[in-house]
Amino acid sequence: MTPVLTGTAPFTVTASRDYDPEVGTLPAMSLGRFEIDMSGGEAARRLFAAGARHVTLPRPVDLTDTADAAWTVRALSFVGDLSSLAVSVDWQIHTGSDPDAWRHFGHLHPPTAVLGTADPVATALAWRTTYYICKCIFRYGPGFIQVRDRRYGELRRFTIDEPECHEAVAALTDGATVDAIGRPILDDLMAETLVLRFGDHLWWAPYRVRRWSEAPLVI
C-alpha cells in the first residue's frame, strides 16, 4: 500500500510481544522489524494481531522541524493508534522550548524522552504520571462523531453531526495537508486544539477509542 500522505516514505519499526523492553529482546518475544507503508490504524491493528505489545519508532518526532512535517503528523497518528490498543511505544519527541507544549500530546503513550525543554526529565515525568488511556478520544455513532478530551484537566466533550465535518475528520485521521480541509471547519477544530498544524500539514489529535479504561459513563 502507498503512504497516506503524498511525499511520505514507508518507515520501519521493531516490535515485541512483551511490554518490558528487556524481555522483548529475547528470541521468543521479539517480532522483528515491520515496514509501515499503510494507514496508522491498519498498521497498528496488524501489529496487535501479530502479537505486538511494544513498538519502537525508528527516530525522534521533531515538532520544530517544519521540513519534516509530513513524517511528524504521520508518526503522531501512528503513536495514537498504538495507544488506543494499549500497545506501549518506545519513542522520543522534540517539543521545543515551551514547557507546556507536551500537554497537547499527553494522551499519547508517554515517550522515553521529551527533548528541547529546559528540564526534559521533569517534563517526561509529568507526562508519565498524568497519562491514562482514553484521555483524548473520538468515537463514531449513527450520524455523529463524539470527542472526549481530558488533556487539560477537565472533560471537554464535542458532538459533531455536520456531514462536512465528518469528511474533514476522515481526511485528517492519518494527517492531511492544510489545503485539504475547508478553512471554516479547520479554524473551529484548531480553536479547540483538536487539530494542530505543523508546517503545511495537519494532525488530528484524538485517537479512535478501541477499549475503555473505565466504564464508559465514568469516562
N, C-alpha and C. Protein backbone atom coordinates (compact mmCIF):
# COMPACT_ATOMS: atom_id res chain seq x y z
N MET A 1 0.84 -1.19 0.00
CA MET A 1 0.00 0.00 0.00
C MET A 1 0.87 1.24 0.00
N THR A 2 0.36 2.34 -0.54
CA THR A 2 1.11 3.58 -0.57
C THR A 2 0.86 4.38 0.70
N PRO A 3 1.81 5.23 1.09
CA PRO A 3 1.60 6.06 2.28
C PRO A 3 0.37 6.94 2.13
N VAL A 4 -0.22 7.29 3.27
CA VAL A 4 -1.42 8.12 3.25
C VAL A 4 -1.11 9.52 2.77
N LEU A 5 -0.03 10.11 3.23
CA LEU A 5 0.34 11.46 2.84
C LEU A 5 1.29 11.43 1.65
N THR A 6 0.98 12.20 0.65
CA THR A 6 1.86 12.27 -0.51
C THR A 6 3.24 12.77 -0.08
N GLY A 7 4.28 12.09 -0.55
CA GLY A 7 5.63 12.53 -0.22
C GLY A 7 6.21 11.88 1.02
N THR A 8 5.42 11.07 1.75
CA THR A 8 5.95 10.38 2.91
C THR A 8 6.35 8.97 2.51
N ALA A 9 7.51 8.56 2.94
CA ALA A 9 8.03 7.24 2.61
C ALA A 9 7.67 6.24 3.71
N PRO A 10 7.61 4.96 3.38
CA PRO A 10 7.43 3.95 4.43
C PRO A 10 8.55 4.05 5.46
N PHE A 11 8.26 3.66 6.69
CA PHE A 11 9.28 3.63 7.71
C PHE A 11 9.22 2.30 8.44
N THR A 12 10.28 1.95 9.10
CA THR A 12 10.41 0.63 9.72
C THR A 12 10.40 0.75 11.23
N VAL A 13 9.62 -0.10 11.88
CA VAL A 13 9.58 -0.17 13.34
C VAL A 13 9.98 -1.57 13.77
N THR A 14 10.35 -1.70 15.02
CA THR A 14 10.58 -3.01 15.61
C THR A 14 9.49 -3.27 16.63
N ALA A 15 9.15 -4.54 16.82
CA ALA A 15 8.05 -4.89 17.71
C ALA A 15 8.39 -6.13 18.52
N SER A 16 7.75 -6.21 19.69
CA SER A 16 7.93 -7.39 20.54
C SER A 16 6.60 -7.76 21.18
N ARG A 17 6.57 -8.95 21.75
CA ARG A 17 5.34 -9.45 22.36
C ARG A 17 5.16 -8.99 23.79
N ASP A 18 6.17 -8.36 24.38
CA ASP A 18 6.12 -8.02 25.79
C ASP A 18 6.32 -6.53 26.01
N TYR A 19 5.65 -5.98 27.02
CA TYR A 19 5.76 -4.56 27.34
C TYR A 19 7.13 -4.20 27.89
N ASP A 20 7.80 -5.13 28.53
CA ASP A 20 9.11 -4.86 29.12
C ASP A 20 10.17 -4.89 28.02
N PRO A 21 10.86 -3.78 27.76
CA PRO A 21 11.84 -3.75 26.67
C PRO A 21 12.94 -4.81 26.82
N GLU A 22 13.35 -5.10 28.05
CA GLU A 22 14.41 -6.10 28.25
C GLU A 22 13.90 -7.49 27.87
N VAL A 23 12.70 -7.81 28.31
CA VAL A 23 12.12 -9.11 27.96
C VAL A 23 11.85 -9.19 26.46
N GLY A 24 11.47 -8.05 25.89
CA GLY A 24 11.11 -8.02 24.47
C GLY A 24 12.25 -8.35 23.53
N THR A 25 13.48 -8.24 24.00
CA THR A 25 14.62 -8.57 23.14
C THR A 25 14.92 -10.05 23.10
N LEU A 26 14.31 -10.84 23.98
CA LEU A 26 14.55 -12.28 23.99
C LEU A 26 14.02 -12.90 22.69
N PRO A 27 14.68 -13.96 22.21
CA PRO A 27 14.31 -14.54 20.91
C PRO A 27 12.83 -14.90 20.77
N ALA A 28 12.25 -15.44 21.84
CA ALA A 28 10.85 -15.86 21.75
C ALA A 28 9.88 -14.69 21.80
N MET A 29 10.36 -13.53 22.23
CA MET A 29 9.50 -12.36 22.39
C MET A 29 9.61 -11.38 21.23
N SER A 30 10.75 -11.33 20.58
CA SER A 30 10.95 -10.36 19.50
C SER A 30 10.16 -10.76 18.26
N LEU A 31 9.49 -9.78 17.67
CA LEU A 31 8.76 -10.00 16.42
C LEU A 31 9.50 -9.43 15.23
N GLY A 32 10.65 -8.82 15.49
CA GLY A 32 11.48 -8.32 14.40
C GLY A 32 11.02 -6.97 13.89
N ARG A 33 11.28 -6.71 12.62
CA ARG A 33 11.05 -5.40 12.01
C ARG A 33 9.83 -5.45 11.09
N PHE A 34 9.10 -4.34 11.08
CA PHE A 34 7.93 -4.22 10.24
C PHE A 34 8.01 -2.92 9.46
N GLU A 35 7.73 -2.96 8.16
CA GLU A 35 7.69 -1.75 7.35
C GLU A 35 6.26 -1.21 7.36
N ILE A 36 6.12 0.06 7.75
CA ILE A 36 4.81 0.70 7.82
C ILE A 36 4.59 1.48 6.53
N ASP A 37 3.78 0.92 5.64
CA ASP A 37 3.51 1.55 4.35
C ASP A 37 2.00 1.64 4.11
N MET A 38 1.25 1.77 5.22
CA MET A 38 -0.21 1.82 5.16
C MET A 38 -0.69 2.81 6.21
N SER A 39 -1.97 2.95 6.36
CA SER A 39 -2.50 3.87 7.36
C SER A 39 -2.08 3.42 8.76
N GLY A 40 -1.97 4.39 9.67
CA GLY A 40 -1.54 4.06 11.02
C GLY A 40 -2.49 3.12 11.72
N GLY A 41 -3.80 3.33 11.52
CA GLY A 41 -4.78 2.46 12.16
C GLY A 41 -4.67 1.03 11.70
N GLU A 42 -4.52 0.83 10.38
CA GLU A 42 -4.40 -0.52 9.85
C GLU A 42 -3.10 -1.17 10.31
N ALA A 43 -2.01 -0.39 10.30
CA ALA A 43 -0.73 -0.93 10.74
C ALA A 43 -0.78 -1.33 12.21
N ALA A 44 -1.39 -0.49 13.05
CA ALA A 44 -1.49 -0.80 14.48
C ALA A 44 -2.31 -2.07 14.71
N ARG A 45 -3.41 -2.22 13.99
CA ARG A 45 -4.24 -3.41 14.15
C ARG A 45 -3.50 -4.67 13.70
N ARG A 46 -2.74 -4.57 12.61
CA ARG A 46 -2.00 -5.74 12.14
C ARG A 46 -0.89 -6.12 13.13
N LEU A 47 -0.22 -5.12 13.67
CA LEU A 47 0.82 -5.40 14.66
C LEU A 47 0.21 -6.06 15.90
N PHE A 48 -0.92 -5.53 16.35
CA PHE A 48 -1.58 -6.09 17.54
C PHE A 48 -1.99 -7.53 17.27
N ALA A 49 -2.57 -7.79 16.09
CA ALA A 49 -2.99 -9.15 15.74
C ALA A 49 -1.81 -10.10 15.65
N ALA A 50 -0.63 -9.56 15.29
CA ALA A 50 0.58 -10.40 15.22
C ALA A 50 1.17 -10.67 16.60
N GLY A 51 0.61 -10.03 17.62
CA GLY A 51 1.08 -10.26 18.98
C GLY A 51 1.89 -9.12 19.56
N ALA A 52 2.07 -8.04 18.81
CA ALA A 52 2.90 -6.93 19.28
C ALA A 52 2.23 -6.22 20.46
N ARG A 53 3.00 -6.01 21.52
CA ARG A 53 2.54 -5.23 22.66
C ARG A 53 3.51 -4.10 22.99
N HIS A 54 4.61 -4.04 22.24
CA HIS A 54 5.59 -2.96 22.41
C HIS A 54 6.21 -2.68 21.04
N VAL A 55 6.21 -1.40 20.65
CA VAL A 55 6.70 -1.00 19.33
C VAL A 55 7.71 0.13 19.51
N THR A 56 8.80 0.07 18.75
CA THR A 56 9.84 1.10 18.80
C THR A 56 9.88 1.85 17.49
N LEU A 57 9.75 3.20 17.57
CA LEU A 57 9.85 4.04 16.38
C LEU A 57 11.31 4.22 15.98
N PRO A 58 11.57 4.47 14.69
CA PRO A 58 12.96 4.50 14.22
C PRO A 58 13.73 5.76 14.59
N ARG A 59 13.04 6.87 14.86
CA ARG A 59 13.74 8.13 15.15
C ARG A 59 12.81 9.07 15.89
N PRO A 60 13.35 10.13 16.51
CA PRO A 60 12.52 11.08 17.24
C PRO A 60 11.53 11.81 16.34
N VAL A 61 10.43 12.22 16.93
CA VAL A 61 9.44 13.04 16.24
C VAL A 61 9.74 14.49 16.62
N ASP A 62 10.21 15.27 15.67
CA ASP A 62 10.65 16.64 15.93
C ASP A 62 9.56 17.63 15.50
N LEU A 63 8.84 18.17 16.46
CA LEU A 63 7.75 19.09 16.15
C LEU A 63 8.24 20.43 15.64
N THR A 64 9.51 20.73 15.85
CA THR A 64 10.06 22.03 15.45
C THR A 64 10.59 22.04 14.02
N ASP A 65 10.65 20.89 13.39
CA ASP A 65 11.22 20.79 12.04
C ASP A 65 10.08 20.80 11.02
N THR A 66 9.74 21.98 10.50
CA THR A 66 8.62 22.07 9.56
C THR A 66 8.91 21.35 8.25
N ALA A 67 10.18 21.17 7.92
CA ALA A 67 10.52 20.46 6.68
C ALA A 67 10.19 18.98 6.79
N ASP A 68 10.03 18.50 8.03
CA ASP A 68 9.75 17.09 8.27
C ASP A 68 8.31 16.90 8.75
N ALA A 69 7.43 17.86 8.44
CA ALA A 69 6.09 17.87 9.00
C ALA A 69 5.26 16.66 8.58
N ALA A 70 5.46 16.18 7.36
CA ALA A 70 4.68 15.01 6.91
C ALA A 70 4.98 13.80 7.78
N TRP A 71 6.26 13.58 8.09
CA TRP A 71 6.63 12.48 8.99
C TRP A 71 6.06 12.73 10.38
N THR A 72 6.11 13.97 10.84
CA THR A 72 5.63 14.30 12.18
C THR A 72 4.18 13.90 12.38
N VAL A 73 3.30 14.34 11.47
CA VAL A 73 1.88 14.05 11.66
C VAL A 73 1.58 12.57 11.47
N ARG A 74 2.31 11.93 10.57
CA ARG A 74 2.07 10.50 10.35
C ARG A 74 2.53 9.70 11.56
N ALA A 75 3.69 10.06 12.13
CA ALA A 75 4.20 9.36 13.31
C ALA A 75 3.30 9.59 14.52
N LEU A 76 2.84 10.83 14.72
CA LEU A 76 1.95 11.11 15.84
C LEU A 76 0.65 10.32 15.73
N SER A 77 0.10 10.24 14.52
CA SER A 77 -1.13 9.47 14.31
C SER A 77 -0.90 8.00 14.61
N PHE A 78 0.24 7.47 14.19
CA PHE A 78 0.56 6.06 14.42
C PHE A 78 0.71 5.78 15.91
N VAL A 79 1.37 6.68 16.64
CA VAL A 79 1.50 6.51 18.09
C VAL A 79 0.12 6.54 18.75
N GLY A 80 -0.76 7.41 18.25
CA GLY A 80 -2.11 7.44 18.77
C GLY A 80 -2.86 6.14 18.52
N ASP A 81 -2.71 5.58 17.33
CA ASP A 81 -3.37 4.31 17.01
C ASP A 81 -2.85 3.18 17.89
N LEU A 82 -1.55 3.19 18.17
CA LEU A 82 -0.99 2.17 19.07
C LEU A 82 -1.49 2.40 20.49
N SER A 83 -1.54 3.65 20.92
CA SER A 83 -2.03 3.97 22.27
C SER A 83 -3.46 3.49 22.45
N SER A 84 -4.27 3.61 21.41
CA SER A 84 -5.68 3.21 21.50
C SER A 84 -5.83 1.71 21.75
N LEU A 85 -4.81 0.94 21.38
CA LEU A 85 -4.83 -0.51 21.58
C LEU A 85 -4.04 -0.92 22.82
N ALA A 86 -3.61 0.07 23.61
CA ALA A 86 -2.81 -0.17 24.82
C ALA A 86 -1.48 -0.85 24.50
N VAL A 87 -0.94 -0.54 23.32
CA VAL A 87 0.40 -1.01 22.94
C VAL A 87 1.40 0.05 23.39
N SER A 88 2.41 -0.33 24.16
CA SER A 88 3.40 0.64 24.60
C SER A 88 4.33 1.00 23.44
N VAL A 89 4.83 2.23 23.47
CA VAL A 89 5.65 2.74 22.37
C VAL A 89 6.95 3.31 22.91
N ASP A 90 8.04 2.87 22.36
CA ASP A 90 9.36 3.44 22.67
C ASP A 90 9.63 4.51 21.62
N TRP A 91 9.49 5.77 22.02
CA TRP A 91 9.66 6.86 21.07
C TRP A 91 10.15 8.10 21.81
N GLN A 92 10.65 9.06 21.05
CA GLN A 92 11.08 10.34 21.59
C GLN A 92 10.40 11.46 20.82
N ILE A 93 10.21 12.59 21.51
CA ILE A 93 9.56 13.74 20.89
C ILE A 93 10.34 15.00 21.24
N HIS A 94 10.50 15.86 20.25
CA HIS A 94 11.16 17.16 20.45
C HIS A 94 10.07 18.22 20.38
N THR A 95 9.70 18.79 21.53
CA THR A 95 8.58 19.72 21.58
C THR A 95 9.00 21.18 21.48
N GLY A 96 10.29 21.47 21.56
CA GLY A 96 10.74 22.86 21.59
C GLY A 96 10.81 23.37 23.02
N SER A 97 10.98 24.67 23.17
CA SER A 97 11.26 25.25 24.48
C SER A 97 10.03 25.47 25.35
N ASP A 98 8.82 25.45 24.78
CA ASP A 98 7.61 25.68 25.57
C ASP A 98 7.45 24.55 26.59
N PRO A 99 7.50 24.85 27.89
CA PRO A 99 7.43 23.79 28.90
C PRO A 99 6.09 23.08 28.97
N ASP A 100 5.04 23.70 28.42
CA ASP A 100 3.70 23.11 28.48
C ASP A 100 3.25 22.50 27.16
N ALA A 101 4.10 22.53 26.14
CA ALA A 101 3.70 22.03 24.82
C ALA A 101 3.33 20.56 24.86
N TRP A 102 3.94 19.80 25.75
CA TRP A 102 3.69 18.36 25.81
C TRP A 102 2.24 18.03 26.12
N ARG A 103 1.52 18.97 26.77
CA ARG A 103 0.14 18.69 27.18
C ARG A 103 -0.77 18.43 25.98
N HIS A 104 -0.45 19.01 24.83
CA HIS A 104 -1.25 18.75 23.63
C HIS A 104 -1.15 17.28 23.22
N PHE A 105 -0.09 16.61 23.65
CA PHE A 105 0.19 15.23 23.23
C PHE A 105 0.14 14.25 24.40
N GLY A 106 -0.31 14.74 25.57
CA GLY A 106 -0.27 13.94 26.78
C GLY A 106 -1.19 12.75 26.80
N HIS A 107 -2.06 12.61 25.79
CA HIS A 107 -2.93 11.43 25.70
C HIS A 107 -2.24 10.28 24.97
N LEU A 108 -1.08 10.56 24.35
CA LEU A 108 -0.32 9.52 23.67
C LEU A 108 0.54 8.78 24.67
N HIS A 109 0.87 7.54 24.35
CA HIS A 109 1.72 6.77 25.26
C HIS A 109 2.98 7.58 25.56
N PRO A 110 3.36 7.73 26.83
CA PRO A 110 4.49 8.60 27.18
C PRO A 110 5.78 8.21 26.48
N PRO A 111 6.49 9.19 25.95
CA PRO A 111 7.78 8.91 25.28
C PRO A 111 8.87 8.64 26.29
N THR A 112 9.96 8.08 25.82
CA THR A 112 11.10 7.84 26.70
C THR A 112 11.88 9.11 26.95
N ALA A 113 11.72 10.13 26.09
CA ALA A 113 12.41 11.40 26.28
C ALA A 113 11.60 12.52 25.64
N VAL A 114 11.57 13.67 26.32
CA VAL A 114 10.95 14.87 25.78
C VAL A 114 12.07 15.87 25.57
N LEU A 115 12.47 16.06 24.33
CA LEU A 115 13.65 16.85 24.00
C LEU A 115 13.27 18.31 23.78
N GLY A 116 14.24 19.20 24.04
CA GLY A 116 14.06 20.60 23.74
C GLY A 116 13.60 21.45 24.90
N THR A 117 13.06 20.86 25.95
CA THR A 117 12.59 21.63 27.10
C THR A 117 13.75 21.93 28.05
N ALA A 118 13.53 22.91 28.94
CA ALA A 118 14.57 23.28 29.89
C ALA A 118 14.87 22.15 30.86
N ASP A 119 13.85 21.36 31.19
CA ASP A 119 14.02 20.24 32.13
C ASP A 119 13.37 18.99 31.53
N PRO A 120 14.06 18.30 30.62
CA PRO A 120 13.48 17.13 29.94
C PRO A 120 13.05 16.03 30.90
N VAL A 121 13.80 15.85 31.99
CA VAL A 121 13.46 14.78 32.95
C VAL A 121 12.14 15.08 33.64
N ALA A 122 11.97 16.31 34.11
CA ALA A 122 10.73 16.69 34.79
C ALA A 122 9.54 16.64 33.83
N THR A 123 9.76 17.06 32.60
CA THR A 123 8.68 17.04 31.61
C THR A 123 8.24 15.61 31.31
N ALA A 124 9.20 14.72 31.12
CA ALA A 124 8.87 13.32 30.85
C ALA A 124 8.15 12.70 32.05
N LEU A 125 8.57 13.06 33.27
CA LEU A 125 7.93 12.53 34.47
C LEU A 125 6.49 13.02 34.58
N ALA A 126 6.26 14.31 34.29
CA ALA A 126 4.90 14.84 34.34
C ALA A 126 4.00 14.13 33.34
N TRP A 127 4.54 13.85 32.17
CA TRP A 127 3.76 13.14 31.14
C TRP A 127 3.41 11.74 31.64
N ARG A 128 4.38 11.02 32.16
CA ARG A 128 4.14 9.64 32.60
C ARG A 128 3.14 9.57 33.74
N THR A 129 3.26 10.48 34.68
CA THR A 129 2.42 10.40 35.88
C THR A 129 0.98 10.85 35.64
N THR A 130 0.73 11.56 34.56
CA THR A 130 -0.64 12.02 34.27
C THR A 130 -1.29 11.26 33.12
N TYR A 131 -0.58 10.29 32.56
CA TYR A 131 -1.10 9.58 31.39
C TYR A 131 -2.09 8.49 31.79
N TYR A 132 -3.13 8.34 30.98
CA TYR A 132 -4.01 7.18 31.04
C TYR A 132 -4.67 7.03 29.68
N ILE A 133 -5.06 5.81 29.37
CA ILE A 133 -5.67 5.55 28.08
C ILE A 133 -7.04 6.24 28.02
N CYS A 134 -7.44 6.64 26.83
CA CYS A 134 -8.71 7.32 26.56
C CYS A 134 -8.73 8.76 27.07
N LYS A 135 -7.59 9.38 27.19
CA LYS A 135 -7.53 10.76 27.67
C LYS A 135 -8.06 11.75 26.63
N CYS A 136 -7.90 11.43 25.37
CA CYS A 136 -8.46 12.26 24.29
C CYS A 136 -8.82 11.33 23.14
N ILE A 137 -10.11 11.06 22.98
CA ILE A 137 -10.54 10.05 22.01
C ILE A 137 -11.73 10.56 21.21
N PHE A 138 -12.01 9.86 20.11
CA PHE A 138 -13.26 10.11 19.40
C PHE A 138 -13.92 8.78 19.08
N ARG A 139 -15.22 8.82 18.94
CA ARG A 139 -15.97 7.61 18.61
C ARG A 139 -17.06 7.97 17.61
N TYR A 140 -17.44 6.97 16.82
CA TYR A 140 -18.50 7.15 15.83
C TYR A 140 -19.82 6.63 16.39
N GLY A 141 -20.89 7.36 16.10
CA GLY A 141 -22.24 6.89 16.37
C GLY A 141 -23.06 7.02 15.10
N PRO A 142 -24.32 6.67 15.13
CA PRO A 142 -25.16 6.83 13.94
C PRO A 142 -25.33 8.31 13.60
N GLY A 143 -24.59 8.79 12.62
CA GLY A 143 -24.72 10.17 12.18
C GLY A 143 -23.98 11.20 13.00
N PHE A 144 -23.12 10.76 13.91
CA PHE A 144 -22.36 11.73 14.69
C PHE A 144 -20.98 11.19 15.04
N ILE A 145 -20.10 12.12 15.38
CA ILE A 145 -18.79 11.80 15.96
C ILE A 145 -18.72 12.53 17.29
N GLN A 146 -18.31 11.81 18.33
CA GLN A 146 -18.15 12.46 19.63
C GLN A 146 -16.69 12.42 20.05
N VAL A 147 -16.20 13.56 20.53
CA VAL A 147 -14.83 13.68 21.05
C VAL A 147 -14.91 13.91 22.55
N ARG A 148 -14.08 13.18 23.29
CA ARG A 148 -13.94 13.41 24.74
C ARG A 148 -12.47 13.71 25.01
N ASP A 149 -12.23 14.89 25.55
CA ASP A 149 -10.87 15.39 25.69
C ASP A 149 -10.61 15.81 27.13
N ARG A 150 -9.66 15.13 27.78
CA ARG A 150 -9.26 15.47 29.15
C ARG A 150 -7.79 15.89 29.22
N ARG A 151 -7.20 16.29 28.11
CA ARG A 151 -5.78 16.63 28.12
C ARG A 151 -5.46 17.80 29.04
N TYR A 152 -6.42 18.67 29.27
CA TYR A 152 -6.14 19.90 30.02
C TYR A 152 -6.78 19.91 31.40
N GLY A 153 -7.10 18.72 31.91
CA GLY A 153 -7.52 18.59 33.30
C GLY A 153 -9.01 18.50 33.54
N GLU A 154 -9.83 18.84 32.57
CA GLU A 154 -11.26 18.73 32.71
C GLU A 154 -11.84 18.12 31.44
N LEU A 155 -13.01 17.55 31.57
CA LEU A 155 -13.64 16.91 30.41
C LEU A 155 -14.21 17.96 29.47
N ARG A 156 -13.75 17.93 28.22
CA ARG A 156 -14.34 18.73 27.15
C ARG A 156 -14.96 17.74 26.17
N ARG A 157 -16.24 17.90 25.93
CA ARG A 157 -16.96 16.95 25.08
C ARG A 157 -17.55 17.69 23.88
N PHE A 158 -17.32 17.14 22.69
CA PHE A 158 -17.81 17.74 21.46
C PHE A 158 -18.58 16.68 20.68
N THR A 159 -19.78 17.02 20.26
CA THR A 159 -20.56 16.13 19.42
C THR A 159 -20.69 16.79 18.04
N ILE A 160 -20.20 16.09 17.02
CA ILE A 160 -20.12 16.64 15.66
C ILE A 160 -21.09 15.86 14.78
N ASP A 161 -22.06 16.58 14.21
CA ASP A 161 -23.04 15.88 13.37
C ASP A 161 -23.12 16.45 11.95
N GLU A 162 -22.31 17.46 11.63
CA GLU A 162 -22.34 18.02 10.28
C GLU A 162 -21.59 17.10 9.32
N PRO A 163 -22.20 16.73 8.19
CA PRO A 163 -21.55 15.82 7.23
C PRO A 163 -20.20 16.33 6.75
N GLU A 164 -20.07 17.64 6.53
CA GLU A 164 -18.80 18.18 6.05
C GLU A 164 -17.70 18.03 7.10
N CYS A 165 -18.08 18.07 8.37
CA CYS A 165 -17.09 17.86 9.44
C CYS A 165 -16.67 16.40 9.50
N HIS A 166 -17.61 15.50 9.24
CA HIS A 166 -17.27 14.08 9.19
C HIS A 166 -16.25 13.82 8.09
N GLU A 167 -16.44 14.46 6.95
CA GLU A 167 -15.49 14.30 5.85
C GLU A 167 -14.12 14.85 6.23
N ALA A 168 -14.10 15.95 6.97
CA ALA A 168 -12.83 16.53 7.39
C ALA A 168 -12.10 15.60 8.35
N VAL A 169 -12.82 15.01 9.30
CA VAL A 169 -12.19 14.09 10.26
C VAL A 169 -11.63 12.87 9.53
N ALA A 170 -12.38 12.35 8.57
CA ALA A 170 -11.90 11.20 7.80
C ALA A 170 -10.61 11.55 7.06
N ALA A 171 -10.53 12.76 6.53
CA ALA A 171 -9.33 13.18 5.80
C ALA A 171 -8.16 13.40 6.74
N LEU A 172 -8.44 13.77 7.99
CA LEU A 172 -7.40 14.12 8.94
C LEU A 172 -6.84 12.93 9.71
N THR A 173 -7.50 11.79 9.66
CA THR A 173 -7.18 10.69 10.57
C THR A 173 -5.70 10.31 10.55
N ASP A 174 -5.07 10.31 9.39
CA ASP A 174 -3.66 9.97 9.31
C ASP A 174 -2.82 11.18 8.93
N GLY A 175 -3.37 12.37 9.14
CA GLY A 175 -2.67 13.60 8.77
C GLY A 175 -3.13 14.05 7.39
N ALA A 176 -3.11 15.35 7.20
CA ALA A 176 -3.54 15.92 5.92
C ALA A 176 -2.78 17.22 5.68
N THR A 177 -2.79 17.66 4.44
CA THR A 177 -2.21 18.96 4.13
C THR A 177 -3.22 20.05 4.43
N VAL A 178 -2.73 21.26 4.65
CA VAL A 178 -3.60 22.36 5.04
C VAL A 178 -4.70 22.62 4.03
N ASP A 179 -4.36 22.51 2.73
CA ASP A 179 -5.34 22.83 1.70
C ASP A 179 -6.38 21.73 1.50
N ALA A 180 -6.28 20.64 2.26
CA ALA A 180 -7.24 19.55 2.11
C ALA A 180 -8.49 19.76 2.96
N ILE A 181 -8.46 20.72 3.88
CA ILE A 181 -9.57 20.94 4.80
C ILE A 181 -10.09 22.37 4.63
N GLY A 182 -11.41 22.51 4.55
CA GLY A 182 -12.01 23.83 4.39
C GLY A 182 -11.68 24.75 5.56
N ARG A 183 -11.44 26.02 5.28
CA ARG A 183 -10.98 26.95 6.29
C ARG A 183 -11.93 27.10 7.48
N PRO A 184 -13.26 27.28 7.30
CA PRO A 184 -14.13 27.44 8.48
C PRO A 184 -14.06 26.24 9.42
N ILE A 185 -14.09 25.03 8.85
CA ILE A 185 -14.03 23.83 9.68
C ILE A 185 -12.67 23.74 10.37
N LEU A 186 -11.62 24.00 9.62
CA LEU A 186 -10.27 23.93 10.18
C LEU A 186 -10.10 24.93 11.32
N ASP A 187 -10.60 26.13 11.14
CA ASP A 187 -10.47 27.14 12.19
C ASP A 187 -11.17 26.69 13.47
N ASP A 188 -12.35 26.09 13.33
CA ASP A 188 -13.09 25.62 14.50
C ASP A 188 -12.33 24.50 15.22
N LEU A 189 -11.80 23.55 14.47
CA LEU A 189 -11.10 22.43 15.07
C LEU A 189 -9.78 22.86 15.72
N MET A 190 -9.09 23.80 15.09
CA MET A 190 -7.83 24.28 15.65
C MET A 190 -8.08 25.13 16.89
N ALA A 191 -9.19 25.85 16.94
CA ALA A 191 -9.52 26.66 18.11
C ALA A 191 -9.70 25.81 19.35
N GLU A 192 -10.12 24.57 19.17
CA GLU A 192 -10.30 23.65 20.29
C GLU A 192 -9.09 22.73 20.48
N THR A 193 -8.00 22.98 19.74
CA THR A 193 -6.78 22.17 19.73
C THR A 193 -7.06 20.70 19.44
N LEU A 194 -8.12 20.44 18.68
CA LEU A 194 -8.36 19.09 18.20
C LEU A 194 -7.52 18.81 16.97
N VAL A 195 -7.13 19.88 16.28
CA VAL A 195 -6.20 19.79 15.16
C VAL A 195 -5.02 20.71 15.45
N LEU A 196 -3.81 20.21 15.24
CA LEU A 196 -2.60 21.02 15.38
C LEU A 196 -1.89 21.08 14.04
N ARG A 197 -1.27 22.22 13.77
CA ARG A 197 -0.61 22.43 12.49
C ARG A 197 0.90 22.37 12.65
N PHE A 198 1.54 21.66 11.73
CA PHE A 198 3.00 21.60 11.66
C PHE A 198 3.39 21.91 10.21
N GLY A 199 3.95 23.08 10.00
CA GLY A 199 4.26 23.48 8.63
C GLY A 199 2.98 23.51 7.81
N ASP A 200 2.97 22.81 6.69
CA ASP A 200 1.79 22.75 5.83
C ASP A 200 0.96 21.50 6.08
N HIS A 201 1.17 20.85 7.21
CA HIS A 201 0.46 19.61 7.50
C HIS A 201 -0.33 19.73 8.79
N LEU A 202 -1.40 18.94 8.87
CA LEU A 202 -2.32 18.99 9.99
C LEU A 202 -2.39 17.63 10.67
N TRP A 203 -2.53 17.67 12.00
CA TRP A 203 -2.65 16.43 12.78
C TRP A 203 -3.94 16.46 13.58
N TRP A 204 -4.74 15.40 13.44
CA TRP A 204 -5.97 15.20 14.21
C TRP A 204 -5.58 14.53 15.53
N ALA A 205 -5.73 15.27 16.63
CA ALA A 205 -5.18 14.81 17.91
C ALA A 205 -5.90 13.61 18.52
N PRO A 206 -7.24 13.57 18.58
CA PRO A 206 -7.89 12.43 19.24
C PRO A 206 -7.62 11.13 18.49
N TYR A 207 -7.48 10.05 19.23
CA TYR A 207 -7.43 8.75 18.56
C TYR A 207 -8.75 8.02 18.78
N ARG A 208 -9.05 7.09 17.90
CA ARG A 208 -10.34 6.40 17.98
C ARG A 208 -10.34 5.43 19.16
N VAL A 209 -11.39 5.50 19.96
CA VAL A 209 -11.45 4.64 21.14
C VAL A 209 -11.64 3.19 20.69
N ARG A 210 -10.85 2.31 21.29
CA ARG A 210 -10.95 0.88 20.99
C ARG A 210 -11.16 0.04 22.24
N ARG A 211 -10.75 0.57 23.38
CA ARG A 211 -11.02 -0.11 24.65
C ARG A 211 -11.09 0.95 25.74
N TRP A 212 -12.14 0.88 26.57
CA TRP A 212 -12.31 1.85 27.64
C TRP A 212 -11.48 1.44 28.84
N SER A 213 -10.84 2.43 29.50
CA SER A 213 -10.09 2.13 30.71
C SER A 213 -11.01 2.04 31.92
N GLU A 214 -12.17 2.65 31.85
CA GLU A 214 -13.18 2.61 32.89
C GLU A 214 -14.52 2.37 32.21
N ALA A 215 -15.57 2.26 33.04
CA ALA A 215 -16.90 2.18 32.45
C ALA A 215 -17.16 3.44 31.61
N PRO A 216 -17.74 3.33 30.43
CA PRO A 216 -17.92 4.49 29.55
C PRO A 216 -18.61 5.67 30.23
N LEU A 217 -19.58 5.42 31.09
CA LEU A 217 -20.28 6.51 31.75
C LEU A 217 -19.38 7.27 32.71
N VAL A 218 -18.37 6.60 33.27
CA VAL A 218 -17.42 7.28 34.14
C VAL A 218 -16.54 8.19 33.34
N ILE A 219 -16.05 7.69 32.19
CA ILE A 219 -15.18 8.46 31.34
C ILE A 219 -15.92 9.63 30.71
